[in-house]
Protein backbone atom coordinates (compact mmCIF):
# COMPACT_ATOMS: atom_id res chain seq x y z
CA MET A 1 -36.59 19.93 -22.43
CA THR A 2 -33.80 22.17 -21.21
CA ASP A 3 -34.37 24.18 -18.04
CA THR A 4 -32.54 27.45 -17.54
CA ILE A 5 -32.76 30.36 -15.16
CA THR A 6 -32.40 33.73 -16.92
CA ILE A 7 -30.89 36.42 -14.75
CA THR A 8 -30.49 40.06 -15.70
CA THR A 9 -29.32 42.62 -13.24
CA SER A 10 -29.07 46.37 -13.33
CA GLY A 11 -28.84 49.20 -10.86
CA GLY A 12 -32.48 49.22 -9.66
CA GLU A 13 -33.46 45.57 -9.92
CA SER A 14 -32.35 44.12 -6.58
CA PRO A 15 -35.84 42.64 -5.86
CA ILE A 16 -35.68 40.79 -9.20
CA PHE A 17 -32.22 39.53 -8.31
CA LEU A 18 -33.45 38.24 -4.94
CA GLU A 19 -36.38 36.57 -6.67
CA HIS A 20 -34.06 34.78 -9.10
CA LEU A 21 -31.70 33.83 -6.27
CA LEU A 22 -34.57 32.35 -4.24
CA SER A 23 -35.83 30.47 -7.30
CA ALA A 24 -32.36 29.04 -7.98
CA LEU A 25 -31.92 27.92 -4.38
CA VAL A 26 -35.32 26.21 -4.33
CA ILE A 27 -34.89 24.40 -7.66
CA CYS A 28 -31.20 23.47 -7.31
CA PHE A 29 -31.02 22.75 -3.58
CA LEU A 30 -34.30 22.53 -1.68
CA ILE A 31 -36.25 20.20 -3.98
CA PRO A 32 -33.40 17.69 -4.57
CA ILE A 33 -32.51 17.61 -0.87
CA VAL A 34 -36.14 17.00 0.16
CA ILE A 35 -36.39 14.13 -2.34
CA PHE A 36 -33.04 12.73 -1.16
CA MET A 37 -34.19 12.82 2.48
CA VAL A 38 -37.42 10.93 1.70
CA LEU A 39 -35.51 8.28 -0.24
CA PHE A 40 -32.79 7.98 2.43
CA VAL A 41 -35.46 7.43 5.10
CA LEU A 42 -36.97 4.62 3.02
CA ASP A 43 -33.52 3.07 2.60
CA PHE A 44 -32.69 3.45 6.31
CA MET A 45 -35.95 1.82 7.40
CA GLY A 46 -35.44 -0.94 4.86
CA ASN A 47 -32.02 -1.75 6.27
CA LYS A 48 -33.32 -1.65 9.85
CA ILE A 49 -36.50 -3.61 9.19
CA LYS A 50 -35.31 -6.88 7.74
CA HIS A 51 -38.81 -8.08 6.83
CA LYS A 52 -38.97 -8.94 3.13
CA ALA A 53 -42.47 -7.54 2.69
CA TYR A 54 -41.40 -4.09 3.88
CA GLN A 55 -38.36 -4.06 1.63
CA ILE A 56 -40.55 -4.92 -1.39
CA PHE A 57 -42.94 -2.15 -0.35
CA ALA A 58 -40.03 0.32 0.00
CA ILE A 59 -38.68 -0.63 -3.45
CA ILE A 60 -42.10 -0.19 -5.12
CA LEU A 61 -42.71 3.12 -3.32
CA THR A 62 -39.27 4.40 -4.32
CA LEU A 63 -39.86 3.55 -7.98
CA CYS A 64 -43.30 5.18 -7.88
CA ILE A 65 -41.85 8.39 -6.45
CA THR A 66 -39.19 8.39 -9.15
CA ALA A 67 -41.63 7.66 -11.97
CA GLY A 68 -44.07 10.31 -10.80
CA PHE A 69 -41.39 12.96 -10.42
CA ILE A 70 -39.78 12.24 -13.81
CA LEU A 71 -43.07 12.04 -15.73
CA TYR A 72 -44.36 15.22 -14.10
CA SER A 73 -41.24 17.31 -14.73
CA ALA A 74 -39.64 15.83 -17.85
CA GLY A 75 -41.99 17.27 -20.46
CA SER A 76 -41.06 15.04 -23.42
CA GLY A 77 -40.28 11.45 -24.29
CA SER A 78 -36.64 12.09 -25.12
CA ASN A 79 -36.13 13.89 -21.81
CA THR A 80 -37.75 11.04 -19.86
CA MET A 81 -35.63 8.49 -21.69
CA SER A 82 -32.43 10.46 -21.15
CA PHE A 83 -33.07 10.93 -17.41
CA LEU A 84 -33.84 7.25 -16.84
CA ALA A 85 -30.95 6.08 -19.04
CA LEU A 86 -28.53 8.39 -17.25
CA ALA A 87 -29.70 7.19 -13.83
CA PHE A 88 -29.38 3.58 -14.98
CA VAL A 89 -25.84 4.14 -16.27
CA MET A 90 -24.79 5.79 -13.00
CA THR A 91 -26.32 3.04 -10.88
CA ALA A 92 -24.82 0.33 -13.08
CA THR A 93 -21.41 2.00 -12.73
CA VAL A 94 -21.56 1.66 -8.95
CA PHE A 95 -22.82 -1.91 -9.31
CA ILE A 96 -19.95 -2.90 -11.64
CA LEU A 97 -17.32 -1.30 -9.42
CA ASN A 98 -18.85 -3.17 -6.45
CA PHE A 99 -16.51 -1.56 -3.93
CA ILE A 100 -19.11 -1.96 -1.18
CA LYS A 101 -21.74 -4.69 -1.18
CA LEU A 102 -25.21 -3.10 -1.36
CA SER A 103 -28.74 -4.49 -1.31
CA ILE A 104 -31.43 -4.27 -4.01
CA LEU A 105 -33.16 -1.55 -2.00
CA ASP A 106 -29.90 0.42 -1.82
CA TYR A 107 -29.52 0.31 -5.59
CA THR A 108 -33.19 1.25 -6.07
CA VAL A 109 -32.82 4.30 -3.83
CA MET A 110 -29.56 5.15 -5.60
CA PHE A 111 -31.29 4.93 -9.00
CA SER A 112 -34.02 7.27 -7.79
CA CYS A 113 -31.52 9.79 -6.41
CA PHE A 114 -29.53 9.70 -9.63
CA ALA A 115 -32.72 10.19 -11.66
CA CYS A 116 -33.39 13.30 -9.58
CA ILE A 117 -29.84 14.53 -10.21
CA ALA A 118 -30.24 13.81 -13.94
CA ARG A 119 -33.47 15.83 -13.96
CA PHE A 120 -31.78 18.85 -12.41
CA VAL A 121 -28.41 18.52 -14.13
CA GLY A 122 -29.32 21.11 -16.80
CA ILE A 123 -30.37 23.67 -14.21
CA THR A 124 -27.53 23.02 -11.78
CA SER A 125 -24.86 22.98 -14.48
CA THR A 126 -26.10 26.27 -15.92
CA THR A 127 -26.42 28.07 -12.60
CA PHE A 128 -23.96 26.41 -10.24
CA GLY A 129 -21.64 24.50 -12.59
CA VAL A 130 -20.79 20.82 -12.90
CA ALA A 131 -19.40 20.78 -9.36
CA LEU A 132 -22.91 20.61 -7.86
CA PRO A 133 -23.99 17.38 -9.64
CA ILE A 134 -20.64 15.82 -8.68
CA LEU A 135 -21.21 16.93 -5.08
CA TYR A 136 -24.71 15.45 -5.14
CA VAL A 137 -23.38 12.12 -6.42
CA PHE A 138 -20.79 12.13 -3.64
CA ILE A 139 -23.44 12.87 -0.99
CA VAL A 140 -25.78 10.16 -2.29
CA LEU A 141 -23.09 7.46 -2.25
CA LEU A 142 -21.82 8.54 1.18
CA ALA A 143 -25.32 8.41 2.62
CA ILE A 144 -26.31 5.07 1.10
CA CYS A 145 -23.01 3.39 2.05
CA LYS A 146 -23.26 4.85 5.56
CA ILE A 147 -26.77 3.45 5.93
CA ARG A 148 -25.65 0.07 4.62
CA ILE A 149 -22.37 -0.58 6.47
CA ASP A 150 -22.77 2.01 9.29
CA ARG A 151 -19.00 2.58 9.57
CA LEU A 152 -17.40 4.31 6.61
CA ARG A 153 -13.87 4.37 8.03
CA GLY A 154 -11.67 2.25 5.83
CA HIS A 155 -14.11 2.56 2.90
CA LEU A 156 -14.06 6.29 2.17
CA PHE A 157 -11.66 5.97 -0.74
CA TYR A 158 -13.93 3.36 -2.32
CA VAL A 159 -16.79 5.87 -2.05
CA TRP A 160 -14.60 8.63 -3.49
CA PHE A 161 -13.49 6.55 -6.49
CA ALA A 162 -17.06 5.39 -7.14
CA SER A 163 -18.33 8.99 -6.95
CA VAL A 164 -15.72 10.42 -9.32
CA LEU A 165 -16.09 7.62 -11.87
CA THR A 166 -19.89 7.77 -11.70
CA ALA A 167 -19.95 11.55 -12.14
CA MET A 168 -17.53 11.43 -15.07
CA GLU A 169 -19.46 8.58 -16.65
CA ALA A 170 -22.68 10.58 -16.28
CA TYR A 171 -21.10 13.67 -17.84
CA GLY A 172 -19.73 11.70 -20.80
CA PHE A 173 -23.03 9.92 -21.34
CA SER A 174 -24.99 13.21 -21.25
CA VAL A 175 -22.70 14.84 -23.79
CA LEU A 176 -22.87 11.87 -26.17
CA PHE A 177 -26.64 11.49 -25.75
CA ASN A 178 -27.34 15.14 -26.55
CA LYS A 179 -24.85 15.21 -29.44
CA TYR A 180 -25.68 11.94 -31.17
CA VAL A 181 -28.79 10.20 -29.81
CA ARG A 182 -31.23 13.13 -29.78
CA PRO A 183 -30.48 14.20 -33.41
CA MET A 184 -31.09 10.63 -34.57
CA GLY A 185 -34.62 10.69 -33.21
CA TYR A 186 -35.50 14.14 -34.47
CA THR A 187 -34.90 12.99 -38.05
CA ARG A 188 -37.88 10.63 -37.80
CA ALA A 189 -41.40 11.72 -38.60
CA SER A 190 -43.59 9.77 -36.19
CA ASN A 191 -43.27 9.65 -32.41
CA MET A 192 -43.06 5.85 -32.47
CA GLU A 193 -40.10 5.94 -34.84
CA LYS A 194 -38.42 8.58 -32.71
CA LEU A 195 -38.85 6.49 -29.56
CA PHE A 196 -37.61 3.38 -31.35
CA VAL A 197 -34.46 5.09 -32.66
CA TRP A 198 -33.83 6.75 -29.31
CA GLY A 199 -34.31 3.43 -27.54
CA ILE A 200 -31.88 1.49 -29.75
CA ALA A 201 -29.25 4.25 -29.69
CA THR A 202 -29.60 4.61 -25.91
CA LEU A 203 -29.08 0.89 -25.38
CA ILE A 204 -25.94 0.98 -27.53
CA PHE A 205 -24.51 3.97 -25.64
CA ILE A 206 -25.35 2.34 -22.30
CA ALA A 207 -23.50 -0.82 -23.35
CA LEU A 208 -20.44 1.17 -24.47
CA ASN A 209 -20.34 3.16 -21.22
CA LEU A 210 -20.66 0.09 -19.03
CA ALA A 211 -17.97 -1.70 -21.04
CA LEU A 212 -15.66 1.23 -20.33
CA ILE A 213 -16.37 1.03 -16.60
CA TYR A 214 -15.77 -2.72 -16.64
CA GLY A 215 -12.40 -2.16 -18.30
CA ILE A 216 -11.45 0.45 -15.68
CA LYS A 217 -12.50 -1.94 -12.94
CA ARG A 218 -10.47 -4.78 -14.44
CA PHE A 219 -7.24 -2.85 -14.98
CA PHE A 220 -7.25 -0.57 -11.92
CA GLN A 221 -8.90 -2.74 -9.24
CA LYS A 222 -5.54 -3.50 -7.61
CA ARG A 223 -4.69 0.21 -7.41
CA PHE A 224 -8.10 1.00 -5.94
CA ASP A 225 -7.62 -1.69 -3.29
CA GLU A 226 -4.10 -0.51 -2.44
CA ILE A 227 -5.16 3.10 -1.91
CA ASN A 228 -8.20 2.09 0.11
CA GLN A 229 -6.02 -0.19 2.24
CA MET A 230 -3.69 2.74 2.87
CA GLY A 231 -6.75 4.70 3.96
CA LYS A 232 -7.46 2.02 6.58
CA ALA A 233 -3.89 2.30 7.82
CA TYR A 234 -3.96 6.11 7.90
CA PRO A 235 -7.52 7.19 8.85
CA LYS A 236 -6.54 10.84 9.41
CA ILE A 237 -5.37 11.13 5.80
CA GLU A 238 -8.53 9.38 4.64
CA ARG A 239 -10.81 11.82 6.47
CA PHE A 240 -8.76 14.85 5.43
CA PHE A 241 -8.87 13.78 1.79
CA ILE A 242 -12.65 13.38 1.78
CA TYR A 243 -13.23 16.70 3.58
CA ASN A 244 -10.85 18.36 1.14
CA SER A 245 -12.79 16.97 -1.85
CA ILE A 246 -16.12 18.19 -0.44
CA GLY A 247 -14.53 21.58 0.27
CA ILE A 248 -13.22 21.93 -3.29
CA LEU A 249 -16.59 21.05 -4.81
CA SER A 250 -18.46 23.37 -2.44
CA LEU A 251 -16.10 26.24 -3.23
CA MET A 252 -16.59 25.71 -6.96
CA VAL A 253 -20.38 25.72 -6.47
CA LEU A 254 -20.27 29.00 -4.54
CA LEU A 255 -17.90 30.71 -6.99
CA HIS A 256 -19.79 29.58 -10.09
CA GLY A 257 -23.19 30.40 -8.62
CA GLY A 258 -22.00 33.75 -7.31
CA PHE A 259 -20.74 34.83 -10.73
CA ARG A 260 -23.85 33.62 -12.54
CA LEU A 261 -26.29 35.22 -10.12
CA THR A 262 -24.48 38.57 -9.99
CA LYS A 263 -22.90 38.91 -13.43
CA GLY A 264 -25.44 37.03 -15.51
CA TYR A 265 -24.43 34.64 -18.29
CA GLU A 266 -22.18 36.99 -20.22
CA SER A 267 -19.09 36.20 -18.14
CA SER A 268 -16.96 33.26 -19.34
CA LEU A 269 -15.08 32.90 -16.05
CA PRO A 270 -17.53 30.34 -14.56
CA ASP A 271 -16.75 28.06 -17.50
CA LEU A 272 -13.22 27.81 -16.14
CA PHE A 273 -14.67 26.59 -12.86
CA ASN A 274 -16.38 23.77 -14.78
CA LEU A 275 -13.01 22.71 -16.16
CA PHE A 276 -11.23 23.06 -12.83
CA SER A 277 -13.67 21.01 -10.72
CA PRO A 278 -13.06 17.54 -12.26
CA PHE A 279 -9.41 18.38 -12.91
CA ALA A 280 -8.90 19.23 -9.23
CA LEU A 281 -10.39 15.90 -8.16
CA ILE A 282 -8.12 13.97 -10.52
CA LEU A 283 -5.12 16.00 -9.39
CA GLN A 284 -5.90 15.00 -5.82
CA VAL A 285 -4.92 11.42 -6.61
CA SER A 286 -1.33 12.47 -7.35
CA PHE A 287 -1.13 14.39 -4.09
CA LEU A 288 -2.75 11.46 -2.30
CA ILE A 289 -0.12 9.00 -3.53
CA MET A 290 2.64 11.44 -2.57
CA ILE A 291 1.19 11.90 0.93
CA PHE A 292 0.87 8.16 1.42
CA ARG A 293 4.46 7.56 0.32
CA ILE A 294 5.81 10.26 2.63
CA THR A 295 3.77 8.90 5.54
CA TRP A 296 4.83 5.34 4.79
CA LEU A 297 8.50 6.34 4.66
CA LYS A 298 8.15 8.23 7.92
CA ASP A 299 6.49 5.27 9.63
CA ASN A 300 9.04 2.89 8.12
CA LEU A 301 11.94 4.98 9.42
CA LYS A 302 10.29 5.13 12.82
CA SER A 303 9.79 1.37 12.77
CA LYS A 304 13.42 0.83 11.78
CA SER A 305 14.55 3.12 14.58
CA LEU A 306 12.46 1.23 17.13
CA GLU A 307 13.74 -2.05 15.72
CA ASN A 308 17.35 -0.90 16.06
CA GLN A 309 16.69 0.33 19.59
CA SER A 310 15.10 -2.99 20.51
CA LEU A 311 17.99 -4.88 18.93
CA ALA A 312 20.51 -2.74 20.78
CA ALA A 313 18.68 -3.28 24.07
CA TYR A 314 18.47 -7.01 23.44
CA SER A 315 22.14 -7.17 22.49
CA SER A 316 23.10 -5.16 25.58
CA GLY A 317 21.11 -7.46 27.83
CA LEU A 318 22.54 -10.53 26.13
CA GLU A 319 26.05 -9.21 26.57
CA LYS A 320 25.44 -8.66 30.28
CA ASN A 321 24.17 -12.23 30.56
CA MET A 322 27.21 -13.46 28.66
CA ASP A 323 29.47 -11.46 30.98
CA GLY A 324 27.81 -13.17 33.91
CA ILE A 325 28.28 -16.56 32.31
CA ARG A 326 31.93 -15.82 31.53
CA SER A 327 32.52 -14.74 35.12
CA ILE A 328 31.47 -18.19 36.33
CA LYS A 329 32.86 -20.06 33.30
CA HIS A 330 35.66 -21.66 35.28
CA ASP A 331 33.24 -22.67 38.01
CA ILE A 332 31.01 -24.26 35.38
CA LYS A 333 33.96 -26.15 33.89
CA ASN A 334 34.98 -27.40 37.34
CA ILE A 335 31.41 -28.45 38.04
CA PHE A 336 31.21 -30.42 34.79
CA LEU A 337 34.66 -31.91 35.40
CA THR A 338 33.62 -33.03 38.88
CA MET A 339 30.34 -34.36 37.58
CA GLY A 340 32.18 -36.19 34.82
CA THR A 341 34.46 -37.82 37.37
CA PHE A 342 31.49 -39.11 39.36
CA VAL A 343 29.81 -40.33 36.18
CA GLU A 344 32.95 -42.21 35.07
CA GLN A 345 33.24 -43.80 38.49
CA SER A 346 29.66 -44.97 38.43
CA GLY A 347 28.84 -48.42 37.26
CA ASP A 348 26.07 -47.30 34.87
CA ALA A 349 27.26 -47.62 31.28
CA GLU A 350 24.21 -45.79 29.85
CA ILE A 351 24.83 -42.71 32.02
CA ARG A 352 28.52 -42.65 31.04
CA ALA A 353 27.62 -42.90 27.34
CA PHE A 354 24.98 -40.19 27.62
CA TYR A 355 27.38 -37.84 29.42
CA ARG A 356 30.16 -38.36 26.86
CA GLU A 357 27.89 -38.05 23.79
CA LYS A 358 25.43 -35.35 24.90
CA ILE A 359 26.25 -33.44 28.07
CA SER A 360 29.99 -32.85 27.68
CA PRO A 361 29.94 -31.76 23.97
CA PHE A 362 26.95 -29.48 24.59
CA ALA A 363 28.58 -27.81 27.58
CA ASN A 364 31.87 -27.26 25.77
CA GLU A 365 30.06 -25.90 22.69
CA GLU A 366 27.95 -23.40 24.65
CA ILE A 367 30.92 -22.20 26.67
CA ALA A 368 32.85 -21.68 23.43
CA LYS A 369 29.93 -19.72 21.95
CA SER A 370 29.73 -17.47 24.99
CA ASP A 371 33.46 -16.70 24.71
CA LEU A 372 33.12 -15.87 21.02
CA TYR A 373 30.06 -13.67 21.55
CA GLY A 374 31.90 -11.80 24.25
CA LYS A 375 34.61 -10.93 21.73
CA LEU A 376 31.97 -9.71 19.26
CA ALA A 377 30.96 -7.03 21.77
CA ALA A 378 33.75 -4.84 20.35
CA ILE A 379 31.69 -4.36 17.14
CA ASP A 380 29.42 -1.31 17.27
CA ASN A 381 27.06 -2.48 14.49
CA GLU A 382 24.31 -4.78 15.82
CA GLN A 383 23.45 -6.25 12.41
CA LEU A 384 27.07 -7.18 11.66
CA LYS A 385 27.47 -8.56 15.17
CA ALA A 386 24.36 -10.76 14.78
CA PHE A 387 25.51 -11.92 11.33
CA LEU A 388 28.99 -12.93 12.54
CA PHE A 389 27.59 -14.66 15.62
CA TYR A 390 25.25 -16.68 13.39
CA LYS A 391 28.09 -17.76 11.08
CA ILE A 392 30.48 -18.53 13.93
CA SER A 393 27.78 -20.54 15.71
CA GLN A 394 27.34 -22.59 12.53
CA ALA A 395 31.05 -23.40 12.55
CA VAL A 396 31.10 -24.33 16.25
CA GLU A 397 28.03 -26.57 15.85
CA ARG A 398 29.87 -28.44 13.07
CA GLY A 399 32.77 -29.20 15.37
CA ILE A 400 35.14 -26.56 13.98
CA ASP A 401 37.52 -24.81 16.37
CA VAL A 402 37.11 -21.07 15.89
CA ASP A 403 39.55 -18.43 17.04
CA LEU A 404 38.23 -14.86 17.01
CA ASP A 405 40.23 -11.65 17.34
CA ILE A 406 38.59 -8.21 17.00
CA SER A 407 40.23 -4.82 17.33
CA PRO A 408 38.85 -2.92 20.34
CA ARG A 409 38.50 0.21 18.19
CA PHE A 410 36.57 -1.44 15.36
CA SER A 411 33.70 0.53 13.80
CA ILE A 412 31.94 0.38 10.42
CA SER A 413 29.74 3.43 10.92
CA GLU A 414 31.84 5.55 8.53
CA ARG A 415 32.84 2.83 6.03
CA LYS A 416 32.13 3.34 2.36
CA ILE A 417 31.12 -0.20 1.35
CA GLU A 418 27.41 -0.94 1.39
CA PHE A 419 26.45 -3.10 4.35
CA THR A 420 24.51 -5.58 2.21
CA ASP A 421 27.52 -6.07 -0.07
CA LEU A 422 29.84 -6.46 2.92
CA VAL A 423 27.60 -9.16 4.41
CA ARG A 424 27.33 -10.98 1.06
CA VAL A 425 31.11 -11.07 0.62
CA LEU A 426 31.85 -12.09 4.21
CA GLY A 427 29.09 -14.71 4.05
CA ILE A 428 30.63 -16.34 0.98
CA LEU A 429 34.17 -16.28 2.46
CA LEU A 430 32.99 -17.74 5.77
CA ASP A 431 30.87 -20.41 4.05
CA ASN A 432 33.86 -21.47 1.94
CA ALA A 433 36.04 -21.68 5.05
CA ILE A 434 33.42 -23.70 6.96
CA GLU A 435 32.93 -26.14 4.07
CA GLU A 436 36.68 -26.66 3.75
CA CYS A 437 37.11 -27.28 7.50
CA MET A 438 34.28 -29.82 7.48
CA GLU A 439 36.31 -31.91 5.01
CA LEU A 440 39.02 -32.33 7.67
CA GLU A 441 38.92 -34.35 10.86
CA HIS A 442 39.99 -31.38 12.98
CA GLY A 443 39.18 -28.19 11.07
CA VAL A 444 40.31 -24.86 12.47
CA MET A 445 39.20 -21.34 11.57
CA ALA A 446 40.76 -18.04 12.63
CA ILE A 447 38.87 -14.77 12.13
CA LYS A 448 40.59 -11.46 12.74
CA ILE A 449 38.95 -8.05 12.32
CA SER A 450 41.04 -4.94 12.80
CA CYS A 451 41.08 -1.31 11.76
CA ASN A 452 43.01 1.92 12.00
CA ASP A 453 42.57 5.43 10.66
CA THR A 454 43.12 4.40 7.03
CA LEU A 455 41.73 0.89 6.59
CA VAL A 456 39.65 -1.94 8.00
CA SER A 457 40.70 -5.55 7.54
CA TYR A 458 38.64 -8.77 7.65
CA SER A 459 40.98 -11.78 7.75
CA ILE A 460 39.62 -15.36 7.50
CA LYS A 461 42.08 -18.27 7.79
CA ASN A 462 41.15 -21.94 7.66
CA THR A 463 43.02 -25.24 7.44
CA VAL A 464 42.97 -27.05 4.09
CA SER A 465 43.71 -30.56 2.94
CA PRO A 466 46.98 -31.34 1.11
CA GLY A 467 45.00 -32.09 -2.06
CA ARG A 468 43.26 -28.73 -1.96
CA LYS A 469 46.57 -26.97 -1.45
CA ALA A 470 48.10 -28.85 -4.38
CA ASN A 471 45.20 -28.03 -6.73
CA GLY A 472 44.82 -24.46 -5.54
CA ILE A 473 41.57 -22.52 -5.18
CA ARG A 474 40.16 -20.91 -8.31
CA PRO A 475 36.87 -19.09 -8.97
CA SER A 476 34.05 -21.23 -10.48
CA VAL A 477 36.03 -24.43 -9.79
CA SER A 478 34.83 -26.80 -7.06
CA SER A 479 35.31 -30.42 -6.07
CA LYS A 480 31.60 -30.64 -5.17
CA GLY A 481 30.37 -31.00 -8.73
CA SER A 482 28.76 -28.92 -11.46
CA GLY A 483 27.12 -25.66 -10.45
CA ARG A 484 29.23 -25.23 -7.30
CA GLY A 485 32.22 -23.06 -6.59
CA ASN A 486 30.74 -19.83 -7.96
CA GLY A 487 31.07 -17.98 -4.66
CA LEU A 488 34.37 -16.33 -5.51
CA VAL A 489 32.98 -15.28 -8.90
CA ILE A 490 30.12 -13.51 -7.10
CA VAL A 491 32.59 -11.89 -4.69
CA ARG A 492 34.68 -10.62 -7.58
CA GLY A 493 31.58 -9.15 -9.26
CA ILE A 494 30.57 -7.33 -6.06
CA LEU A 495 34.02 -5.92 -5.38
CA GLU A 496 34.42 -4.64 -8.94
CA GLY A 497 32.01 -1.87 -8.00
CA TYR A 498 34.33 -0.55 -5.28
CA ASP A 499 37.69 1.08 -5.92
CA CYS A 500 38.52 1.21 -2.23
CA VAL A 501 38.16 -2.55 -1.49
CA THR A 502 40.61 -5.39 -2.25
CA LEU A 503 40.59 -9.13 -1.57
CA ASN A 504 43.92 -10.93 -1.21
CA SER A 505 44.10 -14.72 -0.99
CA CYS A 506 47.10 -16.97 -0.38
CA PHE A 507 48.26 -20.19 1.29
CA GLN A 508 50.17 -19.99 4.57
CA GLY A 509 51.49 -23.43 5.45
CA ASP A 510 48.49 -25.74 5.81
CA CYS A 511 46.05 -22.84 5.88
CA PHE A 512 44.29 -20.73 3.29
CA LEU A 513 44.09 -16.99 4.08
CA GLN A 514 41.51 -14.57 2.68
CA ASN A 515 42.02 -10.93 3.58
CA LEU A 516 39.33 -8.35 2.70
CA VAL A 517 40.68 -4.81 3.07
CA GLN A 518 38.80 -1.55 2.69
CA TYR A 519 40.74 1.69 2.41
CA GLU A 520 39.45 5.10 3.40
């Protein structure tokens, strides 16, 4: 049975118009809302009263209300079957998606609400467009999930996705049912044959629809989770998005209903509203992703700024501490020298051994580190400063004497080479120098960084063994075995992408010099 509201208006028929308007409001709004409220109260009480007997009673009462309403208003067997099948498909869609864990009572109430929507879908679509059934689905899921988990924040996008997919699934099922299933039954003579054909065809269409939802769930679950997680991180966007969706649907309902109730059914403009409503909801996803990306980038930049500020503050405080240590460095050396004299004069061999092996090397190493870090203060880039301090500390801890010289005007803020590439190249050159010095009994490294208006130079010099000098240093060749010695090959590959950077290497006496120069 198809329900329609026929509206004809002319100059002197305003009472008839008001009568039709009142009838439309009662059928499309008042009756469904009253039924929804009764069912929501049953669901609310069932979730508050945990007693199993009450929940069983609420489930039975809900099904009785649904059965009575459908049987009273459906009018025919095919209508009854279509309403119940549509409600089942919609409920099963939410169950398969399983975004929010619901109880049996929740699904029963949902099935009853969807059966009510299915009963009125012909009337609402004709008078107020497809936006009203979609809005009803949205309201039902919001209410049931709110009753179940109490706090919807962080779950609103799950509700939105479930609502949109359920509404689209219901629309597709209705179209296919009316186009294919109903004609199959009408070709049969007896009512039993009709019901049998309708039943088999309905089961097949239900299976196909649920298989589609399962496929969507399987392939897009990760995307659903990511967007919902972003909603938890940005609750203002989450709320705005949901309010915006409700606003769009409500506007489409008012526009479609206004045209139908004033212009009758001759105007084709409301049909455009039916096309725009689902399209607008789908289009929202693109805007949602864009908003999330912009917000994430903004927060990321803010986080980076705070990180740099914290690093600068930490570095400034560390430099002040190092300045204080350097100011008393000579006093510390004198103290250790005096203490060493007393230890050597003592008759305790264990104390003398401990001082020589632990205390004295540690003190000399830390004093050397403080001197080197003080020289790094001339660098204005905190990341480069931290990187060089880490590499130089590695060399000092391995017993390598390090000499550091940095131009007081050094700055990389306007340099053209990417910072990551600069760090990769310097890291390889420093690692090669450290490894070579570790092969010698007394390895020495000299690092010099200087700049002027036209270039910046990174010079790394380290002592080498006579054998290394005789064999030379070539890319991809190493004395450490297969798979080693590829550092210079990587450096060459990085620098090939820059026309303004050169690397010059040569032997100077017993030392190997690597000079990385960047030109402006």
